Amino acid sequence: MKKTLLICFLLLPLPMLSSVWADDSPRPDAPSAKQKKPDPDHGAKLWHVLNPRNLRLQSTAALVVDRYGNELYSKNADRAQPIASITKLMTAMVILDSPLPMRQELVITDEDRDLLRMTGSRLKPGATLTREQLIKLALMSSENRAASALARTFPAGRKRFIYLMNKKALSLGMRDTKFTDPTGLDVGNSSTPRDLYKLVQAAMRYPFIRKATTSRSAQVYPYLKKGHLRFGNTNRLLSSESWEISLSKTGYINEAGRCLVMQAQVSGQDLTIILLNSFGKLTPYGDSNRIRKWVENGVKNSSST
């Protein structure tokens, strides 16, 4: 009887085989089946001393949330607007959710050029990098041609890829979000700060994304018999000793303004910071520092009372 049961078990179909990775590259964490729900009351005593009126941000929309889901600050948090290259977080997750081999080499082609805004790139047609390298450059350096190539080479093509981006957004509860391209160059990519909070929380579950978005720089060799190219991170706060950042992504097009999303630790507290439509290149960083000092002062005052 035991032998019969064993044979039957071995003959059962294995639905998870389609999700097995083709190599041993870094992959996202598996969802925990017994995740604890955030306690909405936890941290309330800590944040009650914070006065939102004392925090004056230049970003058009903003949201600051602690690890338990408590909102410390919100400004136009439900207003949908363009999100530019914040889009690339979803692009990376769709690729990492697929069974595609990370070390497969992909070639940049003319199809990956930006004909919408005519932005440039050091990845010329013919540049060859692995899928893993392209994801890293798309996240860390916001490389548009890297993101385009990832979608173009996806099974069933770019249209299917964008469909999966929107499908995953819905699965995360991002009801006010829409994706129209994998780079963020299209103004149709839009979301709200509250939806982007959900996006950041989901992205935090991927070790690869956390590492890529907080790497200061990377060098690659996309051309045969040529030297390396060095790419830097678009978030200058990573070079500041005042910040401890676990995940970050910047974005910019004219219609979206300067955008920045981060998961960072401030005064020992894990915070998600969403800043959209900031005017001026340095404004998101200025707003981030204002948030940090506001929280630090609040924690200090709370501990002294």
Protein backbone atom coordinates (compact mmCIF):
# COMPACT_ATOMS: atom_id res chain seq x y z
CA MET A 1 0.00 0.00 0.00
CA LYS A 2 2.80 2.42 0.94
CA LYS A 3 4.63 1.59 -2.28
CA THR A 4 1.46 2.28 -4.31
CA LEU A 5 0.97 5.67 -2.63
CA LEU A 6 4.58 6.62 -3.32
CA ILE A 7 4.26 5.75 -7.00
CA CYS A 8 1.04 7.78 -7.28
CA PHE A 9 2.70 10.76 -5.63
CA LEU A 10 5.65 10.65 -8.02
CA LEU A 11 3.27 10.55 -11.00
CA LEU A 12 1.37 13.64 -9.87
CA PRO A 13 1.91 16.74 -12.09
CA LEU A 14 4.28 19.30 -10.64
CA PRO A 15 2.74 22.70 -11.35
CA MET A 16 5.64 24.52 -9.73
CA LEU A 17 8.10 23.32 -12.38
CA SER A 18 7.07 26.18 -14.65
CA SER A 19 8.28 28.58 -11.98
CA VAL A 20 11.66 26.95 -11.39
CA TRP A 21 14.50 29.29 -12.35
CA ALA A 22 16.90 28.26 -15.06
CA ASP A 23 19.90 29.27 -12.99
CA ASP A 24 20.85 30.00 -9.40
CA SER A 25 20.89 33.81 -9.70
CA PRO A 26 19.33 35.92 -6.94
CA ARG A 27 15.54 35.68 -6.96
CA PRO A 28 12.73 37.30 -4.97
CA ASP A 29 11.81 36.08 -1.53
CA ALA A 30 8.93 33.64 -1.44
CA PRO A 31 5.81 35.17 0.18
CA SER A 32 5.37 34.12 3.75
CA ALA A 33 2.23 32.12 4.34
CA LYS A 34 1.94 33.42 7.90
CA GLN A 35 2.71 37.11 7.64
CA LYS A 36 1.52 39.17 10.56
CA LYS A 37 -0.81 42.02 9.72
CA PRO A 38 0.49 45.48 10.63
CA ASP A 39 -0.79 46.75 13.94
CA PRO A 40 -2.36 50.16 13.20
CA ASP A 41 -2.01 51.20 16.84
CA HIS A 42 1.66 50.31 17.12
CA GLY A 43 3.83 53.41 17.10
CA ALA A 44 0.91 55.77 17.74
CA LYS A 45 2.50 56.94 20.99
CA LEU A 46 5.75 57.59 19.16
CA TRP A 47 4.26 59.72 16.40
CA HIS A 48 1.66 61.70 18.33
CA VAL A 49 4.21 64.48 18.91
CA LEU A 50 4.70 64.99 15.16
CA ASN A 51 2.84 68.00 13.80
CA PRO A 52 2.31 67.73 10.01
CA ARG A 53 1.95 71.51 9.85
CA ASN A 54 5.60 71.79 10.79
CA LEU A 55 6.64 69.79 7.73
CA ARG A 56 6.59 71.95 4.64
CA LEU A 57 7.48 69.98 1.55
CA GLN A 58 7.98 71.29 -1.97
CA SER A 59 6.77 68.08 -3.62
CA THR A 60 3.23 68.27 -4.98
CA ALA A 61 2.34 64.89 -3.46
CA ALA A 62 3.93 63.01 -0.60
CA LEU A 63 3.41 60.16 1.83
CA VAL A 64 5.41 58.93 4.84
CA VAL A 65 4.43 55.59 6.40
CA ASP A 66 6.06 53.52 9.13
CA ARG A 67 6.54 49.75 9.09
CA TYR A 68 3.21 49.19 10.82
CA GLY A 69 1.19 51.12 8.26
CA ASN A 70 0.83 54.28 10.34
CA GLU A 71 0.77 57.38 8.15
CA LEU A 72 3.02 60.07 9.59
CA TYR A 73 2.37 62.55 6.80
CA SER A 74 0.29 62.73 3.63
CA LYS A 75 -0.19 65.33 0.93
CA ASN A 76 -2.41 64.66 -2.10
CA ALA A 77 -1.83 60.97 -1.39
CA ASP A 78 -4.79 59.81 -3.50
CA ARG A 79 -4.11 61.98 -6.53
CA ALA A 80 -3.02 59.97 -9.57
CA GLN A 81 -0.22 61.53 -11.60
CA PRO A 82 2.68 60.51 -13.85
CA ILE A 83 5.41 58.56 -12.06
CA ALA A 84 8.19 58.47 -14.69
CA SER A 85 10.93 55.91 -13.94
CA ILE A 86 9.39 54.76 -10.67
CA THR A 87 7.75 52.49 -13.26
CA LYS A 88 10.96 50.46 -13.46
CA LEU A 89 10.30 48.89 -10.06
CA MET A 90 7.32 47.11 -11.59
CA THR A 91 9.33 46.28 -14.72
CA ALA A 92 11.91 44.53 -12.54
CA MET A 93 9.31 42.61 -10.53
CA VAL A 94 7.60 41.24 -13.63
CA ILE A 95 10.95 39.97 -14.95
CA LEU A 96 11.93 38.49 -11.59
CA ASP A 97 8.55 36.76 -11.29
CA SER A 98 9.12 35.01 -14.62
CA PRO A 99 11.13 31.83 -15.21
CA LEU A 100 13.53 33.60 -17.59
CA PRO A 101 17.26 32.86 -17.06
CA MET A 102 19.03 35.80 -15.47
CA ARG A 103 22.34 35.08 -17.17
CA GLN A 104 20.95 34.95 -20.68
CA GLU A 105 22.63 37.56 -22.87
CA LEU A 106 20.38 40.13 -24.53
CA VAL A 107 21.33 42.54 -27.32
CA ILE A 108 20.27 46.19 -27.44
CA THR A 109 18.68 47.02 -30.81
CA ASP A 110 17.31 50.07 -32.61
CA GLU A 111 13.89 49.16 -31.20
CA ASP A 112 15.13 50.11 -27.74
CA ARG A 113 15.92 53.70 -28.66
CA ASP A 114 13.72 56.38 -27.11
CA LEU A 115 11.83 57.94 -30.01
CA LEU A 116 9.32 59.63 -27.68
CA ARG A 117 11.65 61.99 -25.79
CA MET A 118 14.85 61.30 -27.69
CA THR A 119 16.87 60.60 -24.55
CA GLY A 120 20.35 59.25 -25.10
CA SER A 121 22.15 56.20 -23.79
CA ARG A 122 25.62 54.71 -23.69
CA LEU A 123 24.06 51.35 -24.54
CA LYS A 124 24.22 51.58 -28.31
CA PRO A 125 22.58 49.04 -30.65
CA GLY A 126 24.74 45.95 -30.47
CA ALA A 127 25.54 46.31 -26.78
CA THR A 128 25.24 42.89 -25.14
CA LEU A 129 24.51 42.33 -21.45
CA THR A 130 22.86 39.66 -19.37
CA ARG A 131 19.27 40.01 -18.23
CA GLU A 132 20.56 40.40 -14.67
CA GLN A 133 22.82 43.29 -15.68
CA LEU A 134 20.02 45.01 -17.59
CA ILE A 135 17.69 44.84 -14.58
CA LYS A 136 20.39 46.32 -12.37
CA LEU A 137 21.10 49.20 -14.76
CA ALA A 138 17.38 49.90 -15.19
CA LEU A 139 16.93 50.12 -11.42
CA MET A 140 20.17 51.71 -10.29
CA SER A 141 20.92 54.08 -13.16
CA SER A 142 17.40 54.28 -14.60
CA GLU A 143 18.69 53.07 -17.96
CA ASN A 144 15.79 53.33 -20.41
CA ARG A 145 17.21 51.10 -23.12
CA ALA A 146 17.87 48.40 -20.54
CA ALA A 147 14.21 48.49 -19.43
CA SER A 148 13.04 48.52 -23.04
CA ALA A 149 15.15 45.48 -23.94
CA LEU A 150 13.79 43.56 -20.96
CA ALA A 151 10.22 44.06 -22.19
CA ARG A 152 11.03 43.55 -25.88
CA THR A 153 12.67 40.18 -25.28
CA PHE A 154 9.91 38.97 -22.95
CA PRO A 155 7.97 35.91 -24.25
CA ALA A 156 4.96 37.10 -26.28
CA GLY A 157 6.53 40.54 -26.49
CA ARG A 158 6.16 44.03 -25.10
CA LYS A 159 2.36 44.18 -25.18
CA ARG A 160 2.09 41.06 -23.04
CA PHE A 161 4.73 42.46 -20.69
CA ILE A 162 2.75 45.66 -20.08
CA TYR A 163 -0.38 43.58 -19.50
CA LEU A 164 1.46 41.67 -16.77
CA MET A 165 2.66 44.93 -15.21
CA ASN A 166 -0.94 46.08 -14.82
CA LYS A 167 -2.08 42.64 -13.67
CA LYS A 168 0.50 42.61 -10.90
CA ALA A 169 -0.47 46.13 -9.89
CA LEU A 170 -4.05 44.99 -9.40
CA SER A 171 -2.90 41.97 -7.42
CA LEU A 172 -1.10 44.35 -5.06
CA GLY A 173 -4.23 46.44 -4.60
CA MET A 174 -2.93 49.32 -6.72
CA ARG A 175 -6.37 50.31 -8.00
CA ASP A 176 -5.39 53.82 -9.11
CA THR A 177 -2.32 52.81 -11.09
CA LYS A 178 -1.79 52.35 -14.82
CA PHE A 179 1.27 51.24 -16.77
CA THR A 180 1.64 51.96 -20.49
CA ASP A 181 5.34 51.26 -21.06
CA PRO A 182 8.24 49.60 -19.18
CA THR A 183 10.51 52.65 -18.93
CA GLY A 184 8.32 55.40 -17.51
CA LEU A 185 8.99 57.68 -20.47
CA ASP A 186 5.32 57.52 -21.44
CA VAL A 187 3.18 59.99 -19.51
CA GLY A 188 0.50 57.30 -19.28
CA ASN A 189 2.36 55.59 -16.45
CA SER A 190 0.51 57.01 -13.47
CA SER A 191 -0.15 56.24 -9.82
CA THR A 192 -0.87 57.74 -6.41
CA PRO A 193 1.43 57.95 -3.38
CA ARG A 194 -0.73 55.40 -1.54
CA ASP A 195 -0.48 52.96 -4.44
CA LEU A 196 3.27 53.53 -4.67
CA TYR A 197 3.56 52.69 -0.98
CA LYS A 198 2.17 49.26 -1.90
CA LEU A 199 4.63 49.03 -4.78
CA VAL A 200 7.60 49.78 -2.51
CA GLN A 201 6.41 47.24 0.07
CA ALA A 202 6.17 44.59 -2.65
CA ALA A 203 9.59 45.49 -4.10
CA MET A 204 11.15 45.18 -0.65
CA ARG A 205 10.48 41.44 -0.81
CA TYR A 206 12.99 41.07 -3.66
CA PRO A 207 16.61 40.91 -2.42
CA PHE A 208 17.82 41.63 -5.96
CA ILE A 209 15.83 44.88 -6.15
CA ARG A 210 16.96 46.00 -2.70
CA LYS A 211 20.60 45.41 -3.61
CA ALA A 212 20.40 46.90 -7.10
CA THR A 213 18.61 50.08 -6.06
CA THR A 214 21.07 50.81 -3.26
CA SER A 215 24.29 50.00 -5.16
CA ARG A 216 26.33 53.15 -5.61
CA SER A 217 27.75 52.15 -9.00
CA ALA A 218 28.33 49.27 -11.39
CA GLN A 219 30.61 48.59 -14.31
CA VAL A 220 29.76 46.45 -17.32
CA TYR A 221 31.43 45.33 -20.53
CA PRO A 222 28.72 45.56 -23.21
CA TYR A 223 31.06 45.69 -26.22
CA LEU A 224 33.47 42.99 -27.36
CA LYS A 225 37.15 43.95 -27.03
CA LYS A 226 36.33 47.33 -25.50
CA GLY A 227 36.72 48.73 -22.02
CA HIS A 228 34.08 48.90 -19.32
CA LEU A 229 31.28 51.40 -18.83
CA ARG A 230 30.59 52.67 -15.33
CA PHE A 231 27.06 53.58 -14.27
CA GLY A 232 26.12 55.45 -11.11
CA ASN A 233 23.02 55.46 -8.93
CA THR A 234 20.55 58.28 -9.58
CA ASN A 235 19.82 58.74 -5.85
CA ARG A 236 22.49 61.00 -4.38
CA LEU A 237 21.28 60.36 -0.83
CA LEU A 238 23.01 56.97 -0.97
CA SER A 239 26.33 58.76 -0.59
CA SER A 240 25.20 60.56 2.56
CA GLU A 241 26.19 59.21 5.97
CA SER A 242 22.94 60.63 7.35
CA TRP A 243 20.86 58.09 5.47
CA GLU A 244 20.39 54.34 5.85
CA ILE A 245 18.45 53.32 2.73
CA SER A 246 17.14 49.82 1.98
CA LEU A 247 15.48 50.55 -1.37
CA SER A 248 15.17 53.58 -3.61
CA LYS A 249 14.08 54.69 -7.07
CA THR A 250 14.09 58.06 -8.75
CA GLY A 251 12.13 59.26 -11.74
CA TYR A 252 11.81 62.27 -14.02
CA ILE A 253 9.95 63.45 -17.08
CA ASN A 254 8.57 66.96 -17.59
CA GLU A 255 5.00 65.95 -16.81
CA ALA A 256 5.94 64.03 -13.66
CA GLY A 257 8.53 66.39 -12.23
CA ARG A 258 11.17 64.93 -9.95
CA CYS A 259 10.03 61.78 -8.17
CA LEU A 260 11.61 59.69 -5.43
CA VAL A 261 10.46 56.64 -3.48
CA MET A 262 12.51 55.11 -0.67
CA GLN A 263 12.52 52.65 2.17
CA ALA A 264 14.84 54.06 4.81
CA GLN A 265 15.58 53.90 8.50
CA VAL A 266 15.24 57.16 10.43
CA SER A 267 15.89 57.28 14.18
CA GLY A 268 15.72 53.49 14.26
CA GLN A 269 12.32 53.45 12.53
CA ASP A 270 11.68 51.89 9.12
CA LEU A 271 9.87 54.43 6.96
CA THR A 272 8.54 54.44 3.41
CA ILE A 273 8.87 57.85 1.77
CA ILE A 274 7.01 58.76 -1.42
CA LEU A 275 7.67 62.12 -3.12
CA LEU A 276 6.06 63.05 -6.45
CA ASN A 277 6.21 66.02 -8.77
CA SER A 278 8.99 68.01 -7.17
CA PHE A 279 10.16 71.08 -9.06
CA GLY A 280 13.90 71.31 -9.28
CA LYS A 281 16.55 68.61 -9.45
CA LEU A 282 17.45 68.81 -5.77
CA THR A 283 13.95 69.22 -4.36
CA PRO A 284 13.27 65.50 -3.61
CA TYR A 285 16.51 65.34 -1.65
CA GLY A 286 15.71 68.54 0.19
CA ASP A 287 12.24 67.21 1.05
CA SER A 288 13.74 63.90 2.17
CA ASN A 289 16.11 65.68 4.53
CA ARG A 290 13.24 67.79 5.87
CA ILE A 291 11.30 64.60 6.59
CA ARG A 292 14.30 63.02 8.31
CA LYS A 293 14.88 66.01 10.59
CA TRP A 294 11.14 66.28 11.34
CA VAL A 295 11.03 62.63 12.43
CA GLU A 296 14.30 62.84 14.37
CA ASN A 297 13.04 65.84 16.32
CA GLY A 298 9.74 64.07 16.98
CA VAL A 299 11.43 60.94 18.31
CA LYS A 300 13.73 63.05 20.44
CA ASN A 301 10.82 65.00 21.93
CA SER A 302 8.84 61.80 22.47
CA SER A 303 11.65 60.16 24.43
CA SER A 304 12.10 63.22 26.63
CA THR A 305 8.42 63.37 27.69
